[in-house]
Amino acid sequence: EADGPNGMPAVRMCAQGEGGRSPLLPRGEAAHTQSKSKKQNALPAPLTEELYQKVLMELTGEPKRTFKSWIQDYRDRKNPTEELISCIKTLAVYSTTLKKIFDDQHKGFLAALKLQVDQQKQRQEQSYIERQQYVMQRAWHSYNGNK
């Protein structure tokens, strides 16, 4: 069936075991450690309720039903956060909002990684300078001590 854009096939269910239950979770155990407060219905980062509603307006057919089902399973504590995010990423081809969310997240990861590399390089350069200064001081003291 071609529910998706440009005649692409509809999205298949992601990593589901028997009865739609995640094969990663033992029967009867919760997927989350969240309390039964308001947080139970909260969506995991980078999703928000506002983005959820925006994505629902963009999706149609099977991708929309799949998205709603995955969110409901998450809220019912049937699937862990990592599985939800992994599955939702597959729907980014159907939603410009999801594509932007995950593109921005990836760009943020790359920026953080670059910052980490730059900071490591600075620490190495500073360490090298300090070692050179130490060697020069020792040589100076040794030279002046031998006069």
Protein backbone atom coordinates (compact mmCIF):
# COMPACT_ATOMS: atom_id res chain seq x y z
CA GLU A 1 0.00 0.00 0.00
CA ALA A 2 1.36 3.44 -0.91
CA ASP A 3 0.17 5.84 1.81
CA GLY A 4 3.38 7.84 1.94
CA PRO A 5 4.64 10.78 -0.10
CA ASN A 6 5.58 10.18 -3.72
CA GLY A 7 3.94 6.76 -3.63
CA MET A 8 6.31 5.46 -0.94
CA PRO A 9 5.05 2.43 0.99
CA ALA A 10 3.41 2.94 4.34
CA VAL A 11 5.58 2.69 7.44
CA ARG A 12 5.84 -0.71 9.08
CA MET A 13 5.64 -1.20 12.80
CA CYS A 14 9.04 -0.71 14.44
CA ALA A 15 10.57 -3.44 16.60
CA GLN A 16 7.30 -4.89 17.87
CA GLY A 17 7.01 -8.29 19.44
CA GLU A 18 3.92 -10.40 19.89
CA GLY A 19 0.73 -8.42 20.49
CA GLY A 20 2.45 -5.12 19.65
CA ARG A 21 4.51 -5.35 22.84
CA SER A 22 8.17 -4.43 22.66
CA PRO A 23 10.33 -7.56 22.66
CA LEU A 24 12.81 -5.66 24.86
CA LEU A 25 10.48 -5.43 27.86
CA PRO A 26 9.54 -8.29 30.15
CA ARG A 27 5.81 -8.78 30.56
CA GLY A 28 4.28 -6.62 33.27
CA GLU A 29 7.31 -4.35 33.69
CA ALA A 30 7.21 -0.62 32.99
CA ALA A 31 9.39 0.87 30.31
CA HIS A 32 9.97 4.06 32.23
CA THR A 33 11.09 4.98 35.70
CA GLN A 34 8.89 8.06 35.72
CA SER A 35 6.45 8.52 38.56
CA LYS A 36 2.71 8.37 37.91
CA SER A 37 2.53 12.16 38.01
CA LYS A 38 2.13 14.60 35.12
CA LYS A 39 5.44 13.37 33.75
CA GLN A 40 3.79 10.11 32.69
CA ASN A 41 2.23 11.88 29.69
CA ALA A 42 5.27 14.03 28.96
CA LEU A 43 7.07 13.33 25.73
CA PRO A 44 10.81 12.65 25.66
CA ALA A 45 13.22 15.26 24.31
CA PRO A 46 13.41 16.49 21.62
CA LEU A 47 9.62 16.08 21.31
CA THR A 48 7.16 18.45 22.95
CA GLU A 49 3.37 18.46 23.01
CA GLU A 50 3.41 21.40 20.56
CA LEU A 51 5.66 19.50 18.13
CA TYR A 52 3.51 16.38 18.57
CA GLN A 53 0.43 18.34 17.46
CA LYS A 54 2.32 19.89 14.53
CA VAL A 55 3.53 16.47 13.35
CA LEU A 56 -0.02 15.08 13.58
CA MET A 57 -1.18 17.83 11.21
CA GLU A 58 1.58 16.94 8.72
CA LEU A 59 1.15 13.16 8.70
CA THR A 60 -1.64 11.28 6.92
CA GLY A 61 -2.77 7.68 6.59
CA GLU A 62 -0.64 4.88 8.00
CA PRO A 63 2.28 7.08 9.10
CA LYS A 64 -0.13 9.18 11.19
CA ARG A 65 -1.76 6.10 12.76
CA THR A 66 1.68 4.63 13.45
CA PHE A 67 2.96 7.84 15.04
CA LYS A 68 -0.09 8.13 17.29
CA SER A 69 0.20 4.46 18.25
CA TRP A 70 3.89 4.76 19.17
CA ILE A 71 3.22 7.86 21.28
CA GLN A 72 0.31 6.15 23.02
CA ASP A 73 2.41 3.03 23.71
CA TYR A 74 5.11 5.27 25.16
CA ARG A 75 2.58 7.08 27.34
CA ASP A 76 1.14 3.73 28.43
CA ARG A 77 4.70 2.76 29.37
CA LYS A 78 4.85 -0.11 26.88
CA ASN A 79 7.99 1.08 25.07
CA PRO A 80 11.19 2.73 26.31
CA THR A 81 12.27 6.21 25.24
CA GLU A 82 15.11 4.95 23.05
CA GLU A 83 12.76 2.73 21.06
CA LEU A 84 10.22 5.53 20.62
CA ILE A 85 12.84 7.97 19.33
CA SER A 86 14.34 5.33 17.03
CA CYS A 87 10.94 4.50 15.55
CA ILE A 88 9.87 8.13 15.18
CA LYS A 89 13.07 8.94 13.28
CA THR A 90 11.84 6.59 10.57
CA LEU A 91 8.82 8.86 10.05
CA ALA A 92 10.98 11.94 9.32
CA VAL A 93 10.57 11.27 5.57
CA TYR A 94 6.85 12.00 6.00
CA SER A 95 7.12 15.09 8.24
CA THR A 96 9.17 18.25 7.77
CA THR A 97 8.88 18.94 11.50
CA LEU A 98 10.38 15.57 12.46
CA LYS A 99 13.09 16.00 9.83
CA LYS A 100 14.00 19.41 11.27
CA ILE A 101 13.93 18.13 14.87
CA PHE A 102 16.34 15.30 14.16
CA ASP A 103 18.52 17.34 11.78
CA ASP A 104 18.85 20.05 14.46
CA GLN A 105 19.60 17.39 17.08
CA HIS A 106 22.31 15.90 14.85
CA LYS A 107 23.82 19.34 14.14
CA GLY A 108 23.83 20.05 17.89
CA PHE A 109 25.61 16.76 18.52
CA LEU A 110 28.23 17.59 15.87
CA ALA A 111 28.73 21.09 17.31
CA ALA A 112 29.19 19.64 20.82
CA LEU A 113 31.65 17.08 19.47
CA LYS A 114 33.64 19.79 17.66
CA LEU A 115 33.70 21.89 20.84
CA GLN A 116 34.97 18.90 22.81
CA VAL A 117 37.74 18.27 20.27
CA ASP A 118 38.71 21.96 20.27
CA GLN A 119 38.84 22.04 24.08
CA GLN A 120 40.98 18.90 24.13
CA LYS A 121 43.36 20.48 21.61
CA GLN A 122 43.60 23.63 23.76
CA ARG A 123 44.36 21.54 26.86
CA GLN A 124 47.07 19.66 24.97
CA GLU A 125 48.59 22.90 23.69
CA GLN A 126 48.51 24.43 27.18
CA SER A 127 50.09 21.30 28.64
CA TYR A 128 52.83 21.43 25.99
CA ILE A 129 53.52 25.10 26.76
CA GLU A 130 53.69 24.38 30.50
CA ARG A 131 56.12 21.50 29.91
CA GLN A 132 58.30 23.71 27.71
CA GLN A 133 58.31 26.45 30.35
CA TYR A 134 59.26 23.91 33.02
CA VAL A 135 62.13 22.56 30.88
CA MET A 136 63.35 26.10 30.19
CA GLN A 137 63.22 27.01 33.90
CA ARG A 138 65.15 23.86 34.85
CA ALA A 139 67.74 24.57 32.17
CA TRP A 140 68.04 28.20 33.36
CA HIS A 141 68.42 27.16 36.99
CA SER A 142 70.92 24.47 36.02
CA TYR A 143 72.95 26.92 33.91
CA ASN A 144 72.95 29.59 36.63
CA GLY A 145 73.75 27.05 39.33
CA ASN A 146 76.88 25.84 37.50
CA LYS A 147 78.55 29.29 37.30
